[in-house]
């Protein structure tokens, strides 16, 4: 009895229900690569075990150390070494794969626009917060920004990163701009008014920092001048 010929639509429906696929990079090389992965993990485990045994008994081999120490060595190795766990990615039907890829494609739509809106909002909030500062509060924030830009305090950086306080967010914004954050810099370029406002604020902040540095520079210059005078007096006394 001749086999009934299927239409292209029927063939496609069979493919969607019977064909299986995986999301690995090289699905056809899985059988070959899986053996290599298992062998590599086992080699790493044996190498670490030999290192621990050799450290425990440096004058003997690993096999002799295991024979001498026995259960203690096995417990020591088991507690000290964690064997890497290999994971397999399961297969899915062709129809399920198409649904998953379609859902991922839909989720990606508008992602760049949403990212730009978020960056624009961050820049607007930070610049607005900076422009509302006056007097001693402005000086304190400028000094904090100078310290943050200089770096060296990872705990403070982490606190600023997690903080939701408007002033902390503004300090973190300026620190990121100084370090060359591309998304925030592009957000500033898109809004020319905010860009000019931020430039004016930065110029004012630089003037404040220069004014704050003058007393310390004056003290340093006085200290250097005093040291020179003392050295000159000592030379005169030695010559006399």
C-alpha atoms as a PDB file:
ATOM      1  CA  UNK A   1       0.000   0.000   0.000  1.00  0.00           C
ATOM      2  CA  UNK A   2       1.621   3.281  -1.047  1.00  0.00           C
ATOM      3  CA  UNK A   3       2.425   5.765   1.676  1.00  0.00           C
ATOM      4  CA  UNK A   4       0.103   8.728   1.781  1.00  0.00           C
ATOM      5  CA  UNK A   5       1.898  11.876   0.682  1.00  0.00           C
ATOM      6  CA  UNK A   6       1.885  14.694   3.197  1.00  0.00           C
ATOM      7  CA  UNK A   7       1.292  18.295   2.319  1.00  0.00           C
ATOM      8  CA  UNK A   8       3.915  20.929   3.222  1.00  0.00           C
ATOM      9  CA  UNK A   9       1.635  22.162   6.035  1.00  0.00           C
ATOM     10  CA  UNK A  10       1.436  18.657   7.511  1.00  0.00           C
ATOM     11  CA  UNK A  11       5.196  18.218   7.277  1.00  0.00           C
ATOM     12  CA  UNK A  12       5.685  21.523   9.083  1.00  0.00           C
ATOM     13  CA  UNK A  13       3.321  20.515  11.875  1.00  0.00           C
ATOM     14  CA  UNK A  14       5.222  17.245  12.322  1.00  0.00           C
ATOM     15  CA  UNK A  15       8.494  19.143  12.509  1.00  0.00           C
ATOM     16  CA  UNK A  16       7.116  21.461  15.186  1.00  0.00           C
ATOM     17  CA  UNK A  17       5.941  18.502  17.280  1.00  0.00           C
ATOM     18  CA  UNK A  18       8.806  16.013  16.771  1.00  0.00           C
ATOM     19  CA  UNK A  19      12.047  17.850  15.973  1.00  0.00           C
ATOM     20  CA  UNK A  20      14.165  18.652  19.041  1.00  0.00           C
ATOM     21  CA  UNK A  21      16.722  21.422  19.408  1.00  0.00           C
ATOM     22  CA  UNK A  22      19.028  22.802  22.057  1.00  0.00           C
ATOM     23  CA  UNK A  23      20.294  26.323  22.726  1.00  0.00           C
ATOM     24  CA  UNK A  24      23.977  25.327  22.923  1.00  0.00           C
ATOM     25  CA  UNK A  25      26.510  26.960  20.625  1.00  0.00           C
ATOM     26  CA  UNK A  26      27.543  23.670  18.987  1.00  0.00           C
ATOM     27  CA  UNK A  27      24.707  21.144  19.399  1.00  0.00           C
ATOM     28  CA  UNK A  28      26.158  18.612  16.928  1.00  0.00           C
ATOM     29  CA  UNK A  29      29.494  18.519  18.769  1.00  0.00           C
ATOM     30  CA  UNK A  30      27.876  17.796  22.144  1.00  0.00           C
ATOM     31  CA  UNK A  31      28.761  14.086  22.246  1.00  0.00           C
ATOM     32  CA  UNK A  32      32.433  14.851  21.651  1.00  0.00           C
ATOM     33  CA  UNK A  33      32.706  17.943  23.863  1.00  0.00           C
ATOM     34  CA  UNK A  34      30.864  16.434  26.839  1.00  0.00           C
ATOM     35  CA  UNK A  35      33.529  13.740  27.276  1.00  0.00           C
ATOM     36  CA  UNK A  36      36.257  16.392  27.158  1.00  0.00           C
ATOM     37  CA  UNK A  37      34.476  18.510  29.770  1.00  0.00           C
ATOM     38  CA  UNK A  38      34.114  15.562  32.157  1.00  0.00           C
ATOM     39  CA  UNK A  39      37.770  14.609  31.723  1.00  0.00           C
ATOM     40  CA  UNK A  40      38.887  18.189  32.366  1.00  0.00           C
ATOM     41  CA  UNK A  41      36.866  18.462  35.595  1.00  0.00           C
ATOM     42  CA  UNK A  42      38.202  15.124  36.832  1.00  0.00           C
ATOM     43  CA  UNK A  43      41.784  16.173  36.080  1.00  0.00           C
ATOM     44  CA  UNK A  44      41.322  19.400  38.034  1.00  0.00           C
ATOM     45  CA  UNK A  45      39.898  17.471  40.996  1.00  0.00           C
ATOM     46  CA  UNK A  46      42.752  14.956  40.994  1.00  0.00           C
ATOM     47  CA  UNK A  47      45.342  17.724  40.667  1.00  0.00           C
ATOM     48  CA  UNK A  48      43.936  19.614  43.666  1.00  0.00           C
ATOM     49  CA  UNK A  49      43.792  16.400  45.680  1.00  0.00           C
ATOM     50  CA  UNK A  50      47.435  15.653  44.917  1.00  0.00           C
ATOM     51  CA  UNK A  51      48.403  19.198  45.945  1.00  0.00           C
ATOM     52  CA  UNK A  52      46.709  18.854  49.333  1.00  0.00           C
ATOM     53  CA  UNK A  53      48.234  15.432  49.970  1.00  0.00           C
ATOM     54  CA  UNK A  54      51.683  16.623  48.956  1.00  0.00           C
ATOM     55  CA  UNK A  55      51.327  19.579  51.348  1.00  0.00           C
ATOM     56  CA  UNK A  56      50.322  17.304  54.197  1.00  0.00           C
ATOM     57  CA  UNK A  57      53.287  14.916  53.647  1.00  0.00           C
ATOM     58  CA  UNK A  58      55.882  16.723  51.529  1.00  0.00           C
ATOM     59  CA  UNK A  59      58.445  13.880  51.715  1.00  0.00           C
ATOM     60  CA  UNK A  60      56.196  11.145  50.324  1.00  0.00           C
ATOM     61  CA  UNK A  61      54.052  10.657  47.284  1.00  0.00           C
ATOM     62  CA  UNK A  62      50.304  11.164  47.252  1.00  0.00           C
ATOM     63  CA  UNK A  63      49.578   7.418  47.131  1.00  0.00           C
ATOM     64  CA  UNK A  64      51.791   6.774  50.151  1.00  0.00           C
ATOM     65  CA  UNK A  65      50.189   9.652  52.045  1.00  0.00           C
ATOM     66  CA  UNK A  66      46.714   8.237  51.419  1.00  0.00           C
ATOM     67  CA  UNK A  67      47.834   4.779  52.566  1.00  0.00           C
ATOM     68  CA  UNK A  68      49.333   6.227  55.752  1.00  0.00           C
ATOM     69  CA  UNK A  69      46.642   8.688  56.743  1.00  0.00           C
ATOM     70  CA  UNK A  70      43.644   6.733  55.455  1.00  0.00           C
ATOM     71  CA  UNK A  71      40.189   8.081  56.328  1.00  0.00           C
ATOM     72  CA  UNK A  72      41.562  11.348  57.658  1.00  0.00           C
ATOM     73  CA  UNK A  73      43.093  12.178  54.296  1.00  0.00           C
ATOM     74  CA  UNK A  74      39.852  11.364  52.449  1.00  0.00           C
ATOM     75  CA  UNK A  75      37.811  13.576  54.784  1.00  0.00           C
ATOM     76  CA  UNK A  76      40.398  16.348  54.511  1.00  0.00           C
ATOM     77  CA  UNK A  77      40.340  16.207  50.720  1.00  0.00           C
ATOM     78  CA  UNK A  78      36.541  16.055  50.580  1.00  0.00           C
ATOM     79  CA  UNK A  79      36.129  19.102  52.832  1.00  0.00           C
ATOM     80  CA  UNK A  80      38.883  21.128  51.154  1.00  0.00           C
ATOM     81  CA  UNK A  81      37.988  20.570  47.507  1.00  0.00           C
ATOM     82  CA  UNK A  82      34.706  21.166  45.742  1.00  0.00           C
ATOM     83  CA  UNK A  83      34.300  19.360  42.451  1.00  0.00           C
ATOM     84  CA  UNK A  84      32.926  21.526  39.683  1.00  0.00           C
ATOM     85  CA  UNK A  85      29.408  20.507  38.698  1.00  0.00           C
ATOM     86  CA  UNK A  86      28.700  20.138  35.005  1.00  0.00           C
ATOM     87  CA  UNK A  87      25.282  21.082  33.730  1.00  0.00           C
ATOM     88  CA  UNK A  88      23.492  20.004  30.589  1.00  0.00           C
ATOM     89  CA  UNK A  89      21.081  22.201  28.733  1.00  0.00           C
ATOM     90  CA  UNK A  90      17.895  20.329  27.988  1.00  0.00           C
ATOM     91  CA  UNK A  91      16.384  19.968  24.557  1.00  0.00           C
ATOM     92  CA  UNK A  92      13.124  21.562  23.457  1.00  0.00           C
ATOM     93  CA  UNK A  93      10.701  20.958  20.645  1.00  0.00           C
ATOM     94  CA  UNK A  94      10.999  23.110  17.560  1.00  0.00           C
ATOM     95  CA  UNK A  95       7.649  24.741  18.330  1.00  0.00           C
ATOM     96  CA  UNK A  96       8.773  25.604  21.867  1.00  0.00           C
ATOM     97  CA  UNK A  97      12.057  27.012  20.572  1.00  0.00           C
ATOM     98  CA  UNK A  98      10.194  29.293  18.149  1.00  0.00           C
ATOM     99  CA  UNK A  99       7.946  30.524  20.989  1.00  0.00           C
ATOM    100  CA  UNK A 100      10.947  31.213  23.266  1.00  0.00           C
ATOM    101  CA  UNK A 101      12.859  33.117  20.585  1.00  0.00           C
ATOM    102  CA  UNK A 102       9.752  35.107  19.658  1.00  0.00           C
ATOM    103  CA  UNK A 103       9.220  36.060  23.319  1.00  0.00           C
ATOM    104  CA  UNK A 104      12.874  37.145  23.670  1.00  0.00           C
ATOM    105  CA  UNK A 105      12.572  39.196  20.488  1.00  0.00           C
ATOM    106  CA  UNK A 106       9.429  40.928  21.795  1.00  0.00           C
ATOM    107  CA  UNK A 107      11.139  41.711  25.112  1.00  0.00           C
ATOM    108  CA  UNK A 108      14.056  43.351  23.289  1.00  0.00           C
ATOM    109  CA  UNK A 109      11.765  45.784  21.488  1.00  0.00           C
ATOM    110  CA  UNK A 110      12.123  49.243  23.025  1.00  0.00           C
ATOM    111  CA  UNK A 111      14.972  48.239  25.337  1.00  0.00           C
ATOM    112  CA  UNK A 112      17.311  50.912  23.961  1.00  0.00           C
ATOM    113  CA  UNK A 113      14.634  53.587  24.218  1.00  0.00           C
ATOM    114  CA  UNK A 114      13.904  52.608  27.829  1.00  0.00           C
ATOM    115  CA  UNK A 115      17.615  52.690  28.651  1.00  0.00           C
ATOM    116  CA  UNK A 116      17.931  56.191  27.188  1.00  0.00           C
ATOM    117  CA  UNK A 117      14.911  57.423  29.118  1.00  0.00           C
ATOM    118  CA  UNK A 118      16.390  56.052  32.335  1.00  0.00           C
ATOM    119  CA  UNK A 119      19.738  57.753  31.680  1.00  0.00           C
ATOM    120  CA  UNK A 120      18.011  61.035  30.830  1.00  0.00           C
ATOM    121  CA  UNK A 121      16.043  60.860  34.082  1.00  0.00           C
ATOM    122  CA  UNK A 122      19.187  60.157  36.128  1.00  0.00           C
ATOM    123  CA  UNK A 123      21.003  63.119  34.556  1.00  0.00           C
ATOM    124  CA  UNK A 124      18.043  65.474  35.033  1.00  0.00           C
ATOM    125  CA  UNK A 125      17.588  64.514  38.696  1.00  0.00           C
ATOM    126  CA  UNK A 126      21.312  64.808  39.459  1.00  0.00           C
ATOM    127  CA  UNK A 127      21.762  68.209  37.790  1.00  0.00           C
ATOM    128  CA  UNK A 128      18.609  69.547  39.447  1.00  0.00           C
ATOM    129  CA  UNK A 129      19.860  68.391  42.853  1.00  0.00           C
ATOM    130  CA  UNK A 130      23.277  69.963  42.297  1.00  0.00           C
ATOM    131  CA  UNK A 131      21.754  73.304  41.267  1.00  0.00           C
ATOM    132  CA  UNK A 132      19.639  73.487  44.435  1.00  0.00           C
ATOM    133  CA  UNK A 133      22.714  73.338  46.717  1.00  0.00           C
ATOM    134  CA  UNK A 134      23.908  76.579  48.326  1.00  0.00           C
ATOM    135  CA  UNK A 135      26.300  77.803  50.992  1.00  0.00           C
ATOM    136  CA  UNK A 136      27.994  75.322  53.305  1.00  0.00           C
ATOM    137  CA  UNK A 137      25.996  72.414  51.907  1.00  0.00           C
ATOM    138  CA  UNK A 138      27.377  73.151  48.437  1.00  0.00           C
ATOM    139  CA  UNK A 139      30.942  73.291  49.779  1.00  0.00           C
ATOM    140  CA  UNK A 140      30.516  69.984  51.607  1.00  0.00           C
ATOM    141  CA  UNK A 141      29.124  68.271  48.509  1.00  0.00           C
ATOM    142  CA  UNK A 142      31.941  69.633  46.332  1.00  0.00           C
ATOM    143  CA  UNK A 143      34.534  68.313  48.791  1.00  0.00           C
ATOM    144  CA  UNK A 144      32.793  64.916  48.840  1.00  0.00           C
ATOM    145  CA  UNK A 145      32.813  64.802  45.046  1.00  0.00           C
ATOM    146  CA  UNK A 146      36.527  65.652  44.974  1.00  0.00           C
ATOM    147  CA  UNK A 147      37.269  62.789  47.377  1.00  0.00           C
ATOM    148  CA  UNK A 148      35.071  60.380  45.398  1.00  0.00           C
ATOM    149  CA  UNK A 149      36.805  61.281  42.126  1.00  0.00           C
ATOM    150  CA  UNK A 150      40.225  60.740  43.686  1.00  0.00           C
ATOM    151  CA  UNK A 151      39.088  57.236  44.745  1.00  0.00           C
ATOM    152  CA  UNK A 152      40.712  55.015  47.326  1.00  0.00           C
ATOM    153  CA  UNK A 153      37.597  54.280  49.439  1.00  0.00           C
ATOM    154  CA  UNK A 154      35.681  51.280  48.009  1.00  0.00           C
ATOM    155  CA  UNK A 155      33.317  51.166  51.002  1.00  0.00           C
ATOM    156  CA  UNK A 156      32.154  54.746  50.377  1.00  0.00           C
ATOM    157  CA  UNK A 157      31.829  54.023  46.643  1.00  0.00           C
ATOM    158  CA  UNK A 158      29.641  50.989  47.360  1.00  0.00           C
ATOM    159  CA  UNK A 159      27.504  53.056  49.741  1.00  0.00           C
ATOM    160  CA  UNK A 160      27.007  55.749  47.087  1.00  0.00           C
ATOM    161  CA  UNK A 161      26.159  53.095  44.499  1.00  0.00           C
ATOM    162  CA  UNK A 162      23.380  51.605  46.652  1.00  0.00           C
ATOM    163  CA  UNK A 163      22.110  54.843  48.172  1.00  0.00           C
ATOM    164  CA  UNK A 164      18.809  56.378  47.064  1.00  0.00           C
ATOM    165  CA  UNK A 165      19.450  59.757  48.687  1.00  0.00           C
ATOM    166  CA  UNK A 166      19.294  62.542  46.039  1.00  0.00           C
ATOM    167  CA  UNK A 167      22.580  64.135  47.143  1.00  0.00           C
ATOM    168  CA  UNK A 168      24.370  60.773  47.189  1.00  0.00           C
ATOM    169  CA  UNK A 169      23.005  60.022  43.724  1.00  0.00           C
ATOM    170  CA  UNK A 170      24.252  63.416  42.512  1.00  0.00           C
ATOM    171  CA  UNK A 171      27.721  62.759  43.967  1.00  0.00           C
ATOM    172  CA  UNK A 172      27.802  59.343  42.312  1.00  0.00           C
ATOM    173  CA  UNK A 173      26.642  60.883  39.015  1.00  0.00           C
ATOM    174  CA  UNK A 174      29.517  63.385  38.946  1.00  0.00           C
ATOM    175  CA  UNK A 175      31.996  60.633  39.893  1.00  0.00           C
ATOM    176  CA  UNK A 176      30.753  58.473  37.012  1.00  0.00           C
ATOM    177  CA  UNK A 177      30.937  61.373  34.570  1.00  0.00           C
ATOM    178  CA  UNK A 178      34.543  62.063  35.609  1.00  0.00           C
ATOM    179  CA  UNK A 179      35.386  58.397  35.067  1.00  0.00           C
ATOM    180  CA  UNK A 180      33.916  58.460  31.553  1.00  0.00           C
ATOM    181  CA  UNK A 181      30.532  56.728  31.878  1.00  0.00           C
ATOM    182  CA  UNK A 182      29.315  56.528  28.276  1.00  0.00           C
ATOM    183  CA  UNK A 183      25.551  56.305  28.888  1.00  0.00           C
ATOM    184  CA  UNK A 184      25.458  59.332  31.196  1.00  0.00           C
ATOM    185  CA  UNK A 185      27.740  61.349  28.902  1.00  0.00           C
ATOM    186  CA  UNK A 186      25.463  60.605  25.950  1.00  0.00           C
ATOM    187  CA  UNK A 187      22.440  61.660  28.001  1.00  0.00           C
ATOM    188  CA  UNK A 188      24.144  64.988  28.709  1.00  0.00           C
ATOM    189  CA  UNK A 189      24.921  65.464  25.013  1.00  0.00           C
ATOM    190  CA  UNK A 190      21.285  64.876  24.082  1.00  0.00           C
ATOM    191  CA  UNK A 191      20.100  67.736  26.321  1.00  0.00           C
ATOM    192  CA  UNK A 192      22.138  70.842  25.548  1.00  0.00           C
ATOM    193  CA  UNK A 193      20.472  72.952  28.240  1.00  0.00           C
ATOM    194  CA  UNK A 194      21.361  70.451  30.958  1.00  0.00           C
ATOM    195  CA  UNK A 195      24.844  70.174  29.526  1.00  0.00           C
ATOM    196  CA  UNK A 196      25.476  73.910  29.747  1.00  0.00           C
ATOM    197  CA  UNK A 197      23.961  74.031  33.236  1.00  0.00           C
ATOM    198  CA  UNK A 198      26.200  71.200  34.414  1.00  0.00           C
ATOM    199  CA  UNK A 199      29.270  72.863  32.874  1.00  0.00           C
ATOM    200  CA  UNK A 200      28.504  76.066  34.760  1.00  0.00           C
ATOM    201  CA  UNK A 201      28.113  74.107  38.000  1.00  0.00           C
ATOM    202  CA  UNK A 202      31.435  72.306  37.422  1.00  0.00           C
ATOM    203  CA  UNK A 203      33.194  75.634  36.859  1.00  0.00           C
ATOM    204  CA  UNK A 204      31.750  76.965  40.120  1.00  0.00           C
ATOM    205  CA  UNK A 205      32.804  73.763  41.923  1.00  0.00           C
ATOM    206  CA  UNK A 206      36.357  74.141  40.623  1.00  0.00           C
ATOM    207  CA  UNK A 207      36.473  77.708  41.955  1.00  0.00           C
ATOM    208  CA  UNK A 208      35.304  76.473  45.359  1.00  0.00           C
ATOM    209  CA  UNK A 209      37.994  73.777  45.416  1.00  0.00           C
ATOM    210  CA  UNK A 210      40.654  76.301  44.452  1.00  0.00           C
ATOM    211  CA  UNK A 211      39.502  78.620  47.217  1.00  0.00           C
ATOM    212  CA  UNK A 212      39.548  75.759  49.713  1.00  0.00           C
ATOM    213  CA  UNK A 213      43.076  74.823  48.658  1.00  0.00           C
ATOM    214  CA  UNK A 214      44.536  78.347  49.093  1.00  0.00           C
ATOM    215  CA  UNK A 215      44.936  78.220  52.925  1.00  0.00           C
ATOM    216  CA  UNK A 216      46.697  74.863  52.784  1.00  0.00           C
ATOM    217  CA  UNK A 217      48.934  76.087  49.964  1.00  0.00           C
ATOM    218  CA  UNK A 218      49.713  79.229  51.949  1.00  0.00           C
ATOM    219  CA  UNK A 219      50.625  77.149  55.014  1.00  0.00           C
ATOM    220  CA  UNK A 220      52.821  74.902  52.887  1.00  0.00           C
ATOM    221  CA  UNK A 221      54.602  77.894  51.362  1.00  0.00           C
ATOM    222  CA  UNK A 222      55.129  79.389  54.826  1.00  0.00           C
ATOM    223  CA  UNK A 223      56.512  76.087  56.075  1.00  0.00           C
ATOM    224  CA  UNK A 224      58.939  75.886  53.149  1.00  0.00           C
ATOM    225  CA  UNK A 225      60.036  79.502  53.685  1.00  0.00           C
ATOM    226  CA  UNK A 226      60.559  78.884  57.412  1.00  0.00           C
ATOM    227  CA  UNK A 227      62.632  75.812  56.649  1.00  0.00           C
ATOM    228  CA  UNK A 228      64.832  77.796  54.282  1.00  0.00           C
ATOM    229  CA  UNK A 229      65.378  80.512  56.895  1.00  0.00           C
ATOM    230  CA  UNK A 230      66.330  77.937  59.524  1.00  0.00           C
ATOM    231  CA  UNK A 231      68.811  76.331  57.147  1.00  0.00           C
ATOM    232  CA  UNK A 232      70.304  79.740  56.330  1.00  0.00           C
ATOM    233  CA  UNK A 233      70.743  80.547  60.043  1.00  0.00           C
ATOM    234  CA  UNK A 234      72.401  77.170  60.639  1.00  0.00           C
ATOM    235  CA  UNK A 235      74.824  77.781  57.791  1.00  0.00           C
ATOM    236  CA  UNK A 236      75.743  81.205  59.187  1.00  0.00           C
ATOM    237  CA  UNK A 237      76.365  79.717  62.642  1.00  0.00           C
ATOM    238  CA  UNK A 238      78.586  77.023  61.181  1.00  0.00           C
ATOM    239  CA  UNK A 239      80.569  79.600  59.211  1.00  0.00           C
ATOM    240  CA  UNK A 240      81.047  81.754  62.321  1.00  0.00           C
END
